[in-house]
N, C-alpha and C. Protein backbone atom coordinates (compact mmCIF):
# COMPACT_ATOMS: atom_id res chain seq x y z
N MET A 1 98.14 62.59 93.03
CA MET A 1 98.02 63.89 93.71
C MET A 1 96.81 63.59 94.82
N SER A 2 97.00 63.96 95.97
CA SER A 2 95.99 63.80 97.18
C SER A 2 95.13 64.91 97.20
N ARG A 3 94.04 64.76 97.67
CA ARG A 3 93.01 65.74 97.81
C ARG A 3 93.41 66.58 99.03
N ASP A 4 93.19 67.95 98.81
CA ASP A 4 93.61 68.76 99.85
C ASP A 4 92.37 69.23 100.63
N TYR A 5 92.06 68.63 101.79
CA TYR A 5 90.61 68.75 102.43
C TYR A 5 90.50 70.32 102.99
N GLN A 6 91.59 70.84 103.45
CA GLN A 6 91.42 72.23 103.94
C GLN A 6 91.14 73.22 103.00
N ARG A 7 91.75 73.14 101.57
CA ARG A 7 91.37 73.91 100.76
C ARG A 7 89.92 73.68 100.17
N SER A 8 89.62 72.39 100.08
CA SER A 8 88.09 72.06 99.78
C SER A 8 87.18 72.83 100.67
N ARG A 9 87.51 72.88 101.91
CA ARG A 9 86.64 73.30 103.10
C ARG A 9 86.58 74.79 102.79
N ILE A 10 87.59 75.57 102.39
CA ILE A 10 87.82 76.96 102.27
C ILE A 10 86.88 77.21 101.11
N TYR A 11 87.08 76.55 99.86
CA TYR A 11 86.33 76.87 98.59
C TYR A 11 84.78 76.52 98.97
N ALA A 12 84.42 75.44 99.68
CA ALA A 12 83.06 75.37 99.92
C ALA A 12 82.59 76.43 100.69
N TRP A 13 83.08 76.84 101.52
CA TRP A 13 82.62 78.04 102.48
C TRP A 13 82.58 79.34 101.44
N GLU A 14 83.62 79.41 100.67
CA GLU A 14 83.38 80.74 99.61
C GLU A 14 82.12 80.42 98.84
N ASP A 15 82.02 79.26 98.37
CA ASP A 15 80.76 79.12 97.45
C ASP A 15 79.41 79.38 98.29
N ARG A 16 79.39 79.17 99.41
CA ARG A 16 78.24 79.27 100.31
C ARG A 16 77.99 80.72 100.75
N HIS A 17 79.13 81.38 101.06
CA HIS A 17 78.90 82.68 101.81
C HIS A 17 79.47 83.99 101.00
N ILE A 18 80.46 83.83 100.27
CA ILE A 18 81.03 84.85 99.54
C ILE A 18 80.49 84.94 98.21
N HIS A 19 80.46 84.09 97.20
CA HIS A 19 80.06 84.13 95.85
C HIS A 19 78.57 84.56 95.64
N PRO A 20 77.80 84.20 96.48
CA PRO A 20 76.40 84.60 96.40
C PRO A 20 76.07 86.03 96.66
N ARG A 21 76.88 86.66 97.40
CA ARG A 21 76.76 87.97 98.01
C ARG A 21 77.67 89.01 97.13
N ASP A 22 78.79 88.59 96.68
CA ASP A 22 79.61 89.50 96.00
C ASP A 22 79.39 89.50 94.36
N ARG A 23 78.64 90.36 94.01
CA ARG A 23 78.27 90.54 92.55
C ARG A 23 79.40 91.64 91.90
N SER A 24 80.17 92.18 92.72
CA SER A 24 81.01 93.03 91.87
C SER A 24 82.15 92.40 90.87
N VAL A 25 82.49 93.08 89.90
CA VAL A 25 83.41 92.59 89.10
C VAL A 25 84.59 93.67 88.91
N ILE A 26 85.64 93.16 88.11
CA ILE A 26 86.82 93.97 87.90
C ILE A 26 87.36 93.59 86.46
N PRO A 27 87.66 94.50 85.75
CA PRO A 27 88.28 94.07 84.43
C PRO A 27 89.55 93.38 84.58
N PHE A 28 89.76 92.49 83.83
CA PHE A 28 91.04 91.60 83.86
C PHE A 28 92.20 92.44 83.77
N GLU A 29 92.27 93.51 83.01
CA GLU A 29 93.35 94.47 82.94
C GLU A 29 93.68 95.17 84.13
N GLN A 30 92.76 95.24 85.09
CA GLN A 30 93.20 95.87 86.42
C GLN A 30 93.61 94.78 87.61
N ALA A 31 93.51 93.44 87.16
CA ALA A 31 93.79 92.48 88.24
C ALA A 31 95.20 92.59 88.82
N GLN A 32 96.17 93.03 87.90
CA GLN A 32 97.45 92.92 88.31
C GLN A 32 97.89 94.11 89.24
N SER A 33 97.11 95.25 88.93
CA SER A 33 97.29 96.44 89.91
C SER A 33 96.64 96.10 91.25
N ILE A 34 95.67 95.42 91.22
CA ILE A 34 95.11 95.02 92.67
C ILE A 34 95.95 94.20 93.42
N VAL A 35 96.59 93.10 92.84
CA VAL A 35 97.34 92.19 93.41
C VAL A 35 98.49 93.09 94.03
N ASN A 36 99.22 93.94 93.11
CA ASN A 36 100.29 94.89 93.56
C ASN A 36 99.79 95.56 94.92
N TYR A 37 98.66 96.13 94.72
CA TYR A 37 98.40 97.03 95.79
C TYR A 37 98.25 96.19 97.20
N VAL A 38 97.56 95.06 97.15
CA VAL A 38 97.41 94.16 98.24
C VAL A 38 98.76 93.76 98.94
N TRP A 39 99.63 93.35 98.03
CA TRP A 39 100.99 93.05 98.36
C TRP A 39 101.85 94.10 99.09
N THR A 40 101.63 95.34 98.47
CA THR A 40 102.28 96.39 99.03
C THR A 40 101.82 96.72 100.46
N GLU A 41 100.38 96.87 100.59
CA GLU A 41 99.95 97.00 101.91
C GLU A 41 100.13 96.13 102.92
N ALA A 42 100.36 94.91 102.40
CA ALA A 42 100.89 93.64 103.23
C ALA A 42 102.37 93.86 103.69
N GLY A 43 103.15 94.80 103.10
CA GLY A 43 104.59 94.90 103.42
C GLY A 43 105.33 93.78 102.56
N ARG A 44 104.74 93.14 101.66
CA ARG A 44 105.56 92.21 100.91
C ARG A 44 106.17 92.82 99.64
N THR A 45 107.08 91.90 99.00
CA THR A 45 107.76 92.26 97.64
C THR A 45 107.51 91.19 96.81
N TYR A 46 107.77 91.57 95.53
CA TYR A 46 107.53 90.55 94.57
C TYR A 46 106.15 89.84 94.44
N PRO A 47 105.14 90.72 94.13
CA PRO A 47 103.68 90.01 93.88
C PRO A 47 103.71 89.06 92.81
N PRO A 48 102.82 88.08 92.96
CA PRO A 48 102.68 87.14 91.89
C PRO A 48 102.25 87.72 90.56
N LYS A 49 102.43 87.34 89.35
CA LYS A 49 102.03 87.87 88.19
C LYS A 49 100.71 87.23 87.95
N VAL A 50 99.72 88.20 87.27
CA VAL A 50 98.33 87.67 86.95
C VAL A 50 98.36 87.46 85.51
N VAL A 51 97.93 86.15 85.09
CA VAL A 51 98.08 85.64 83.72
C VAL A 51 96.78 85.09 83.50
N ALA A 52 96.26 85.02 82.18
CA ALA A 52 95.15 84.43 81.93
C ALA A 52 95.24 82.86 82.13
N ILE A 53 94.30 82.20 82.52
CA ILE A 53 93.97 80.70 82.71
C ILE A 53 93.97 80.09 81.42
N SER A 54 94.24 78.93 81.22
CA SER A 54 94.28 78.36 80.04
C SER A 54 92.87 78.08 79.44
N LYS A 55 92.64 78.15 78.20
CA LYS A 55 91.19 78.33 77.61
C LYS A 55 90.53 76.83 77.84
N THR A 56 91.43 75.77 77.91
CA THR A 56 90.92 74.43 78.01
C THR A 56 90.48 74.27 79.47
N ALA A 57 90.70 75.11 80.43
CA ALA A 57 90.60 74.75 81.86
C ALA A 57 88.92 75.29 82.03
N THR A 58 88.13 74.39 81.77
CA THR A 58 86.68 74.70 81.72
C THR A 58 85.91 74.69 83.23
N ARG A 59 86.52 74.05 84.16
CA ARG A 59 86.09 73.97 85.59
C ARG A 59 86.50 74.86 86.39
N SER A 60 87.80 75.43 86.12
CA SER A 60 88.59 76.22 86.95
C SER A 60 88.18 77.84 86.68
N VAL A 61 87.85 78.47 87.80
CA VAL A 61 87.61 80.09 87.56
C VAL A 61 88.90 80.75 87.71
N ALA A 62 89.64 80.31 88.79
CA ALA A 62 90.99 80.67 89.01
C ALA A 62 91.86 79.66 89.85
N THR A 63 93.27 79.97 89.54
CA THR A 63 94.15 79.30 90.38
C THR A 63 95.27 79.88 90.73
N ALA A 64 95.97 79.52 91.84
CA ALA A 64 97.20 80.50 92.11
C ALA A 64 98.22 79.49 92.85
N ASN A 65 99.55 80.04 92.75
CA ASN A 65 100.72 79.64 93.66
C ASN A 65 101.53 80.97 93.99
N ARG A 66 102.48 80.81 94.67
CA ARG A 66 103.35 81.99 95.04
C ARG A 66 103.78 82.82 93.94
N LEU A 67 103.86 82.36 92.75
CA LEU A 67 104.45 83.07 91.46
C LEU A 67 103.46 83.47 90.46
N ARG A 68 102.33 83.02 90.59
CA ARG A 68 101.43 83.05 89.43
C ARG A 68 99.82 83.11 89.98
N ILE A 69 98.92 84.00 89.64
CA ILE A 69 97.59 83.85 89.71
C ILE A 69 97.02 83.98 88.37
N ARG A 70 96.39 82.84 88.08
CA ARG A 70 95.64 82.46 86.76
C ARG A 70 94.20 82.84 86.88
N ILE A 71 93.70 83.71 86.09
CA ILE A 71 92.29 83.98 86.01
C ILE A 71 91.86 84.01 84.72
N ARG A 72 90.61 83.79 84.51
CA ARG A 72 90.21 83.91 82.97
C ARG A 72 90.33 85.25 82.46
N GLY A 73 91.05 85.37 81.17
CA GLY A 73 91.27 86.42 80.56
C GLY A 73 90.58 86.71 79.16
N THR A 74 89.71 85.68 78.84
CA THR A 74 88.90 85.68 77.70
C THR A 74 87.91 86.47 77.87
N ALA A 75 87.22 86.55 79.18
CA ALA A 75 86.04 87.36 79.50
C ALA A 75 86.55 88.63 79.82
N SER A 76 85.76 89.73 79.60
CA SER A 76 86.41 91.02 79.94
C SER A 76 86.32 91.42 81.42
N ARG A 77 85.50 90.58 82.12
CA ARG A 77 85.51 90.95 83.62
C ARG A 77 85.33 89.59 84.46
N ARG A 78 85.98 89.65 85.51
CA ARG A 78 86.00 88.73 86.43
C ARG A 78 85.40 89.12 87.74
N PRO A 79 84.86 88.16 88.56
CA PRO A 79 84.32 88.43 89.85
C PRO A 79 85.39 88.87 90.74
N SER A 80 85.37 89.88 91.50
CA SER A 80 86.22 90.38 92.33
C SER A 80 86.63 89.44 93.52
N CYS A 81 85.74 88.80 93.94
CA CYS A 81 86.09 87.73 94.92
C CYS A 81 87.15 86.82 94.62
N CYS A 82 87.17 86.37 93.42
CA CYS A 82 88.23 85.62 92.86
C CYS A 82 89.50 85.93 92.95
N THR A 83 89.66 87.27 92.51
CA THR A 83 90.93 87.78 92.62
C THR A 83 91.47 87.99 94.25
N ARG A 84 90.64 88.54 94.92
CA ARG A 84 90.73 88.90 96.29
C ARG A 84 91.27 87.51 97.13
N SER A 85 90.48 86.37 97.00
CA SER A 85 90.90 85.23 97.50
C SER A 85 91.98 84.43 97.04
N ARG A 86 92.53 84.71 95.83
CA ARG A 86 93.64 84.09 95.35
C ARG A 86 94.95 85.06 95.85
N THR A 87 94.63 86.38 95.99
CA THR A 87 95.66 87.14 96.31
C THR A 87 96.17 86.95 97.81
N ALA A 88 95.16 86.83 98.58
CA ALA A 88 95.38 86.73 100.06
C ALA A 88 96.28 85.61 100.46
C-alpha cells in the first residue's frame, strides 16, 4: 500500500490547527445523527454508518470510507472534530 501524501498533509494540518483549538466532544451515541444531518444538508442520500473502531486499533482515532465511519465506541465521548472531518 502506498502512502497518501495529500491525506497525510490534511491530517498534519488538522493536528496543528484544529485539534488544539477544538475541545468540544460528542457522545458516541449521537455521532450517527450528526452524520445524517450533515449529509441531508448537503443534499446527499444514504449516509455512511457510524460504527465502533476495532479495540485493537490503538493508533487510529477514526477512519472512514464512503460506506462507514469508524470511531472509538469504547470511550463515552469523542472529539467532535474527528466526526466532522470524517463526515465531510
